[in-house]
Amino acid sequence: MKEMTLEERMDYAARRKSEMNCCQAVLVAFADKLGKEEDELLRLGSGFGSGMATMEGTCGALVGAIMVSSLLSAEGEARNNSRAIMSRFKELCGGATICRDLKGIGTGKVLCSCEDCVRNAVRATGETLKPVTQIERSDVHIHR
């Protein structure tokens, strides 16, 4: 099977979002790299959708990205990679990482849709872990 480009991986995650929560969509987008079965990844991410199921917590897509990074990072690199992923995600998503802020709850201004959060989390992960995942970087940014 041909290696997915970063754009293909982002599109795959966004398509799968309609079937699952944001965290799960990011996890399954990297299933081929993680060596895990999809059902295991779905169980792992099940409690992290909708900002820890309350919209008060960290975006589930970002949580999924950090999970992927933690599993794929070399020993001692996970924390630095997590920082880089979070920073890139914030850049792509209007400066927010909390679900309710991203969705405009209380402000009426949506910073990033769920599908775009999933795309941006996959992008940030792929760009940060490029040597590990061998994913091509694209200059297209998803931010609304």
N, C-alpha and C. Protein backbone atom coordinates (compact mmCIF):
# COMPACT_ATOMS: atom_id res chain seq x y z
N MET A 1 0.84 -1.18 0.00
CA MET A 1 0.00 0.00 0.00
C MET A 1 0.89 1.25 0.00
N LYS A 2 0.51 2.24 -0.78
CA LYS A 2 1.25 3.49 -0.91
C LYS A 2 1.18 4.29 0.39
N GLU A 3 2.28 4.89 0.74
CA GLU A 3 2.35 5.77 1.91
C GLU A 3 1.45 6.98 1.70
N MET A 4 0.66 7.33 2.71
CA MET A 4 -0.20 8.51 2.61
C MET A 4 0.64 9.77 2.76
N THR A 5 0.32 10.78 1.96
CA THR A 5 0.93 12.09 2.15
C THR A 5 0.25 12.74 3.36
N LEU A 6 0.79 13.83 3.81
CA LEU A 6 0.18 14.54 4.92
C LEU A 6 -1.23 15.00 4.55
N GLU A 7 -1.40 15.54 3.35
CA GLU A 7 -2.73 15.99 2.91
C GLU A 7 -3.72 14.84 2.88
N GLU A 8 -3.30 13.69 2.39
CA GLU A 8 -4.18 12.51 2.35
C GLU A 8 -4.56 12.07 3.76
N ARG A 9 -3.61 12.11 4.67
CA ARG A 9 -3.86 11.71 6.05
C ARG A 9 -4.83 12.69 6.71
N MET A 10 -4.67 13.97 6.43
CA MET A 10 -5.58 14.99 6.96
C MET A 10 -6.99 14.78 6.43
N ASP A 11 -7.11 14.53 5.13
CA ASP A 11 -8.41 14.29 4.52
C ASP A 11 -9.06 13.03 5.08
N TYR A 12 -8.27 11.99 5.26
CA TYR A 12 -8.79 10.73 5.82
C TYR A 12 -9.36 10.97 7.22
N ALA A 13 -8.62 11.68 8.04
CA ALA A 13 -9.08 11.96 9.41
C ALA A 13 -10.37 12.78 9.38
N ALA A 14 -10.43 13.78 8.53
CA ALA A 14 -11.63 14.63 8.45
C ALA A 14 -12.84 13.81 7.98
N ARG A 15 -12.64 12.90 7.04
CA ARG A 15 -13.75 12.04 6.58
C ARG A 15 -14.22 11.12 7.71
N ARG A 16 -13.28 10.57 8.44
CA ARG A 16 -13.63 9.63 9.52
C ARG A 16 -14.29 10.34 10.70
N LYS A 17 -14.10 11.65 10.83
CA LYS A 17 -14.68 12.43 11.92
C LYS A 17 -16.20 12.26 11.98
N SER A 18 -16.84 12.07 10.85
CA SER A 18 -18.30 11.92 10.84
C SER A 18 -18.76 10.63 11.54
N GLU A 19 -17.83 9.70 11.74
CA GLU A 19 -18.15 8.41 12.36
C GLU A 19 -17.70 8.30 13.82
N MET A 20 -16.93 9.27 14.29
CA MET A 20 -16.27 9.14 15.60
C MET A 20 -15.93 10.51 16.15
N ASN A 21 -15.38 10.54 17.36
CA ASN A 21 -15.00 11.83 17.94
C ASN A 21 -13.65 12.29 17.38
N CYS A 22 -13.30 13.52 17.71
CA CYS A 22 -12.09 14.15 17.16
C CYS A 22 -10.81 13.39 17.53
N CYS A 23 -10.71 12.99 18.78
CA CYS A 23 -9.53 12.25 19.24
C CYS A 23 -9.38 10.95 18.45
N GLN A 24 -10.47 10.22 18.33
CA GLN A 24 -10.45 8.95 17.60
C GLN A 24 -10.07 9.15 16.14
N ALA A 25 -10.57 10.21 15.51
CA ALA A 25 -10.27 10.46 14.10
C ALA A 25 -8.78 10.69 13.88
N VAL A 26 -8.14 11.41 14.80
CA VAL A 26 -6.69 11.63 14.69
C VAL A 26 -5.94 10.32 14.91
N LEU A 27 -6.33 9.57 15.92
CA LEU A 27 -5.67 8.29 16.20
C LEU A 27 -5.75 7.34 15.01
N VAL A 28 -6.94 7.16 14.43
CA VAL A 28 -7.06 6.21 13.32
C VAL A 28 -6.34 6.70 12.06
N ALA A 29 -6.14 8.00 11.94
CA ALA A 29 -5.39 8.51 10.79
C ALA A 29 -3.93 8.07 10.83
N PHE A 30 -3.45 7.70 12.02
CA PHE A 30 -2.07 7.23 12.18
C PHE A 30 -1.99 5.75 12.52
N ALA A 31 -3.09 5.02 12.35
CA ALA A 31 -3.11 3.60 12.71
C ALA A 31 -1.99 2.82 12.04
N ASP A 32 -1.71 3.14 10.78
CA ASP A 32 -0.65 2.43 10.06
C ASP A 32 0.72 2.65 10.68
N LYS A 33 0.95 3.81 11.28
CA LYS A 33 2.23 4.12 11.91
C LYS A 33 2.30 3.58 13.33
N LEU A 34 1.15 3.47 13.99
CA LEU A 34 1.12 3.04 15.39
C LEU A 34 1.15 1.53 15.54
N GLY A 35 0.79 0.80 14.50
CA GLY A 35 0.77 -0.66 14.59
C GLY A 35 -0.31 -1.16 15.53
N LYS A 36 -1.39 -0.42 15.63
CA LYS A 36 -2.51 -0.78 16.51
C LYS A 36 -3.74 -1.04 15.65
N GLU A 37 -4.60 -1.90 16.14
CA GLU A 37 -5.87 -2.15 15.47
C GLU A 37 -6.80 -0.96 15.69
N GLU A 38 -7.67 -0.70 14.73
CA GLU A 38 -8.57 0.44 14.83
C GLU A 38 -9.46 0.35 16.06
N ASP A 39 -9.98 -0.84 16.38
CA ASP A 39 -10.88 -0.95 17.53
C ASP A 39 -10.17 -0.57 18.83
N GLU A 40 -8.89 -0.87 18.94
CA GLU A 40 -8.12 -0.49 20.12
C GLU A 40 -7.95 1.04 20.20
N LEU A 41 -7.67 1.65 19.06
CA LEU A 41 -7.53 3.11 19.01
C LEU A 41 -8.86 3.80 19.31
N LEU A 42 -9.95 3.24 18.83
CA LEU A 42 -11.28 3.80 19.11
C LEU A 42 -11.58 3.75 20.61
N ARG A 43 -11.24 2.64 21.25
CA ARG A 43 -11.44 2.54 22.71
C ARG A 43 -10.55 3.53 23.43
N LEU A 44 -9.30 3.64 23.02
CA LEU A 44 -8.35 4.55 23.66
C LEU A 44 -8.84 6.00 23.61
N GLY A 45 -9.38 6.41 22.48
CA GLY A 45 -9.81 7.80 22.31
C GLY A 45 -11.25 8.08 22.69
N SER A 46 -11.98 7.08 23.15
CA SER A 46 -13.42 7.24 23.34
C SER A 46 -13.81 8.29 24.38
N GLY A 47 -13.02 8.53 25.38
CA GLY A 47 -13.38 9.48 26.43
C GLY A 47 -12.87 10.89 26.22
N PHE A 48 -12.22 11.14 25.09
CA PHE A 48 -11.57 12.43 24.89
C PHE A 48 -12.26 13.35 23.89
N GLY A 49 -13.36 12.92 23.32
CA GLY A 49 -14.09 13.77 22.39
C GLY A 49 -14.79 14.91 23.12
N SER A 50 -15.08 15.96 22.39
CA SER A 50 -15.78 17.14 22.93
C SER A 50 -15.07 17.73 24.13
N GLY A 51 -13.78 17.89 24.02
CA GLY A 51 -13.02 18.53 25.10
C GLY A 51 -13.18 17.80 26.43
N MET A 52 -12.83 16.55 26.47
CA MET A 52 -12.94 15.68 27.64
C MET A 52 -14.41 15.46 28.01
N ALA A 53 -15.24 15.40 26.99
CA ALA A 53 -16.68 15.13 27.10
C ALA A 53 -17.46 16.26 27.78
N THR A 54 -16.85 17.41 27.95
CA THR A 54 -17.53 18.53 28.60
C THR A 54 -17.41 19.84 27.83
N MET A 55 -16.60 19.85 26.80
CA MET A 55 -16.21 21.05 26.04
C MET A 55 -15.39 22.01 26.90
N GLU A 56 -15.11 21.66 28.14
CA GLU A 56 -14.32 22.50 29.04
C GLU A 56 -12.83 22.18 28.96
N GLY A 57 -12.49 21.03 28.40
CA GLY A 57 -11.11 20.58 28.39
C GLY A 57 -10.43 20.80 27.04
N THR A 58 -9.23 20.28 26.97
CA THR A 58 -8.42 20.36 25.75
C THR A 58 -9.14 19.66 24.60
N CYS A 59 -9.05 20.25 23.43
CA CYS A 59 -9.63 19.68 22.21
C CYS A 59 -9.21 18.22 22.06
N GLY A 60 -10.18 17.36 21.78
CA GLY A 60 -9.88 15.94 21.61
C GLY A 60 -8.92 15.66 20.47
N ALA A 61 -8.98 16.45 19.40
CA ALA A 61 -8.05 16.25 18.29
C ALA A 61 -6.61 16.48 18.74
N LEU A 62 -6.41 17.50 19.55
CA LEU A 62 -5.07 17.78 20.07
C LEU A 62 -4.62 16.67 21.02
N VAL A 63 -5.53 16.17 21.84
CA VAL A 63 -5.20 15.05 22.73
C VAL A 63 -4.77 13.84 21.88
N GLY A 64 -5.51 13.55 20.82
CA GLY A 64 -5.14 12.44 19.95
C GLY A 64 -3.77 12.63 19.32
N ALA A 65 -3.47 13.87 18.92
CA ALA A 65 -2.16 14.16 18.33
C ALA A 65 -1.03 13.91 19.33
N ILE A 66 -1.25 14.30 20.58
CA ILE A 66 -0.23 14.08 21.61
C ILE A 66 -0.08 12.59 21.91
N MET A 67 -1.19 11.84 21.86
CA MET A 67 -1.10 10.39 22.04
C MET A 67 -0.25 9.77 20.93
N VAL A 68 -0.51 10.17 19.70
CA VAL A 68 0.27 9.66 18.57
C VAL A 68 1.74 9.99 18.76
N SER A 69 2.02 11.23 19.09
CA SER A 69 3.39 11.66 19.31
C SER A 69 4.07 10.86 20.41
N SER A 70 3.36 10.64 21.49
CA SER A 70 3.94 9.90 22.62
C SER A 70 4.30 8.47 22.22
N LEU A 71 3.48 7.86 21.39
CA LEU A 71 3.75 6.49 20.96
C LEU A 71 4.86 6.41 19.91
N LEU A 72 5.02 7.46 19.11
CA LEU A 72 5.99 7.42 18.02
C LEU A 72 7.32 8.12 18.32
N SER A 73 7.37 8.90 19.38
CA SER A 73 8.59 9.67 19.69
C SER A 73 9.65 8.77 20.30
N ALA A 74 10.89 9.11 19.99
CA ALA A 74 12.02 8.43 20.62
C ALA A 74 12.02 8.76 22.12
N GLU A 75 12.63 7.90 22.89
CA GLU A 75 12.67 8.12 24.33
C GLU A 75 13.23 9.51 24.66
N GLY A 76 12.54 10.21 25.52
CA GLY A 76 12.98 11.53 25.94
C GLY A 76 12.54 12.67 25.03
N GLU A 77 11.89 12.37 23.90
CA GLU A 77 11.49 13.42 22.95
C GLU A 77 10.00 13.76 23.01
N ALA A 78 9.21 12.97 23.71
CA ALA A 78 7.76 13.16 23.69
C ALA A 78 7.35 14.53 24.22
N ARG A 79 7.95 15.00 25.28
CA ARG A 79 7.56 16.30 25.85
C ARG A 79 7.85 17.44 24.87
N ASN A 80 9.02 17.43 24.29
CA ASN A 80 9.36 18.48 23.31
C ASN A 80 8.45 18.41 22.09
N ASN A 81 8.16 17.20 21.63
CA ASN A 81 7.26 17.04 20.49
C ASN A 81 5.85 17.51 20.86
N SER A 82 5.42 17.22 22.08
CA SER A 82 4.10 17.68 22.52
C SER A 82 4.02 19.20 22.50
N ARG A 83 5.06 19.85 22.99
CA ARG A 83 5.09 21.32 22.96
C ARG A 83 5.00 21.85 21.53
N ALA A 84 5.75 21.24 20.64
CA ALA A 84 5.76 21.68 19.24
C ALA A 84 4.39 21.46 18.59
N ILE A 85 3.77 20.32 18.86
CA ILE A 85 2.45 20.03 18.29
C ILE A 85 1.43 21.02 18.83
N MET A 86 1.45 21.26 20.13
CA MET A 86 0.49 22.20 20.71
C MET A 86 0.69 23.60 20.15
N SER A 87 1.91 24.03 20.02
CA SER A 87 2.19 25.36 19.49
C SER A 87 1.70 25.49 18.05
N ARG A 88 1.96 24.49 17.24
CA ARG A 88 1.52 24.52 15.83
C ARG A 88 -0.01 24.47 15.73
N PHE A 89 -0.63 23.64 16.56
CA PHE A 89 -2.09 23.55 16.58
C PHE A 89 -2.69 24.91 16.93
N LYS A 90 -2.16 25.56 17.95
CA LYS A 90 -2.66 26.88 18.34
C LYS A 90 -2.51 27.87 17.20
N GLU A 91 -1.39 27.82 16.51
CA GLU A 91 -1.14 28.71 15.36
C GLU A 91 -2.19 28.49 14.27
N LEU A 92 -2.51 27.24 14.00
CA LEU A 92 -3.45 26.90 12.95
C LEU A 92 -4.90 27.12 13.34
N CYS A 93 -5.17 27.13 14.65
CA CYS A 93 -6.56 27.19 15.15
C CYS A 93 -6.88 28.49 15.88
N GLY A 94 -6.30 29.57 15.49
CA GLY A 94 -6.68 30.86 16.06
C GLY A 94 -6.25 31.09 17.49
N GLY A 95 -5.26 30.36 17.97
CA GLY A 95 -4.70 30.60 19.30
C GLY A 95 -5.35 29.82 20.43
N ALA A 96 -6.29 28.95 20.14
CA ALA A 96 -7.01 28.23 21.19
C ALA A 96 -6.68 26.73 21.19
N THR A 97 -6.82 26.11 22.35
CA THR A 97 -6.69 24.65 22.48
C THR A 97 -7.86 24.05 23.26
N ILE A 98 -8.68 24.88 23.88
CA ILE A 98 -9.82 24.40 24.67
C ILE A 98 -11.04 24.30 23.74
N CYS A 99 -11.73 23.19 23.81
CA CYS A 99 -12.84 22.92 22.91
C CYS A 99 -13.86 24.06 22.85
N ARG A 100 -14.33 24.53 23.98
CA ARG A 100 -15.38 25.57 23.97
C ARG A 100 -14.89 26.86 23.32
N ASP A 101 -13.61 27.19 23.48
CA ASP A 101 -13.05 28.38 22.84
C ASP A 101 -12.97 28.20 21.32
N LEU A 102 -12.56 27.01 20.90
CA LEU A 102 -12.48 26.71 19.48
C LEU A 102 -13.85 26.77 18.82
N LYS A 103 -14.87 26.34 19.54
CA LYS A 103 -16.23 26.29 19.01
C LYS A 103 -17.00 27.60 19.21
N GLY A 104 -16.41 28.57 19.87
CA GLY A 104 -17.05 29.87 20.04
C GLY A 104 -18.16 29.89 21.08
N ILE A 105 -18.16 28.94 21.99
CA ILE A 105 -19.16 28.91 23.06
C ILE A 105 -18.91 30.12 23.95
N GLY A 106 -19.91 30.94 24.09
CA GLY A 106 -19.78 32.15 24.90
C GLY A 106 -19.39 33.38 24.12
N THR A 107 -18.72 33.20 22.98
CA THR A 107 -18.31 34.36 22.18
C THR A 107 -19.09 34.45 20.87
N GLY A 108 -19.60 33.32 20.42
CA GLY A 108 -20.29 33.28 19.14
C GLY A 108 -19.36 33.27 17.94
N LYS A 109 -18.06 33.28 18.19
CA LYS A 109 -17.08 33.28 17.10
C LYS A 109 -16.35 31.93 17.06
N VAL A 110 -16.69 31.11 16.08
CA VAL A 110 -16.04 29.81 15.92
C VAL A 110 -14.63 30.05 15.37
N LEU A 111 -13.64 29.58 16.10
CA LEU A 111 -12.26 29.73 15.66
C LEU A 111 -11.84 28.60 14.72
N CYS A 112 -12.40 27.41 14.96
CA CYS A 112 -12.00 26.26 14.17
C CYS A 112 -13.08 25.18 14.31
N SER A 113 -13.60 24.69 13.20
CA SER A 113 -14.59 23.62 13.24
C SER A 113 -13.94 22.32 13.71
N CYS A 114 -14.75 21.36 14.09
CA CYS A 114 -14.20 20.06 14.50
C CYS A 114 -13.38 19.43 13.38
N GLU A 115 -13.90 19.46 12.16
CA GLU A 115 -13.17 18.87 11.04
C GLU A 115 -11.82 19.57 10.84
N ASP A 116 -11.80 20.89 10.99
CA ASP A 116 -10.53 21.60 10.83
C ASP A 116 -9.60 21.35 12.02
N CYS A 117 -10.15 21.19 13.21
CA CYS A 117 -9.31 20.82 14.36
C CYS A 117 -8.62 19.49 14.11
N VAL A 118 -9.39 18.53 13.57
CA VAL A 118 -8.83 17.21 13.25
C VAL A 118 -7.74 17.35 12.19
N ARG A 119 -8.02 18.09 11.13
CA ARG A 119 -7.02 18.31 10.08
C ARG A 119 -5.76 18.97 10.65
N ASN A 120 -5.95 19.99 11.46
CA ASN A 120 -4.81 20.73 12.01
C ASN A 120 -4.01 19.89 12.99
N ALA A 121 -4.68 19.05 13.76
CA ALA A 121 -3.96 18.16 14.68
C ALA A 121 -3.12 17.15 13.91
N VAL A 122 -3.67 16.60 12.84
CA VAL A 122 -2.91 15.67 12.00
C VAL A 122 -1.74 16.40 11.35
N ARG A 123 -1.99 17.62 10.85
CA ARG A 123 -0.91 18.41 10.24
C ARG A 123 0.21 18.67 11.24
N ALA A 124 -0.14 19.15 12.42
CA ALA A 124 0.88 19.47 13.43
C ALA A 124 1.68 18.24 13.81
N THR A 125 1.01 17.10 13.91
CA THR A 125 1.70 15.85 14.24
C THR A 125 2.63 15.43 13.12
N GLY A 126 2.13 15.46 11.90
CA GLY A 126 2.95 15.06 10.76
C GLY A 126 4.16 15.95 10.57
N GLU A 127 3.97 17.25 10.74
CA GLU A 127 5.10 18.17 10.59
C GLU A 127 6.13 17.98 11.70
N THR A 128 5.66 17.76 12.91
CA THR A 128 6.57 17.60 14.05
C THR A 128 7.32 16.28 13.98
N LEU A 129 6.64 15.22 13.58
CA LEU A 129 7.23 13.88 13.59
C LEU A 129 7.71 13.44 12.22
N LYS A 130 7.91 14.38 11.32
CA LYS A 130 8.23 14.03 9.94
C LYS A 130 9.31 12.95 9.80
N PRO A 131 10.43 13.02 10.52
CA PRO A 131 11.42 11.94 10.34
C PRO A 131 10.88 10.56 10.72
N VAL A 132 9.97 10.53 11.69
CA VAL A 132 9.41 9.26 12.13
C VAL A 132 8.33 8.78 11.18
N THR A 133 7.45 9.69 10.79
CA THR A 133 6.31 9.30 9.97
C THR A 133 6.57 9.41 8.48
N GLN A 134 7.62 10.12 8.10
CA GLN A 134 7.96 10.35 6.70
C GLN A 134 6.77 10.91 5.94
N ILE A 135 6.14 11.90 6.55
CA ILE A 135 4.99 12.55 5.94
C ILE A 135 5.46 13.84 5.30
N GLU A 136 4.96 14.11 4.11
CA GLU A 136 5.32 15.33 3.41
C GLU A 136 4.66 16.53 4.06
N ARG A 137 5.38 17.63 4.14
CA ARG A 137 4.80 18.87 4.66
C ARG A 137 4.15 19.63 3.51
N SER A 138 3.01 20.19 3.81
CA SER A 138 2.31 21.02 2.84
C SER A 138 2.15 22.40 3.44
N ASP A 139 2.13 23.40 2.62
CA ASP A 139 2.00 24.76 3.13
C ASP A 139 0.55 25.21 3.25
N VAL A 140 -0.41 24.31 3.01
CA VAL A 140 -1.83 24.66 3.16
C VAL A 140 -2.16 24.67 4.64
N HIS A 141 -2.75 25.75 5.12
CA HIS A 141 -3.14 25.85 6.52
C HIS A 141 -4.65 25.86 6.63
N ILE A 142 -5.17 25.07 7.55
CA ILE A 142 -6.60 25.01 7.79
C ILE A 142 -6.88 25.87 9.01
N HIS A 143 -7.56 26.98 8.80
CA HIS A 143 -7.89 27.90 9.91
C HIS A 143 -9.03 28.77 9.45
N ARG A 144 -10.08 28.77 10.23
CA ARG A 144 -11.22 29.60 9.87
C ARG A 144 -11.58 30.47 11.03
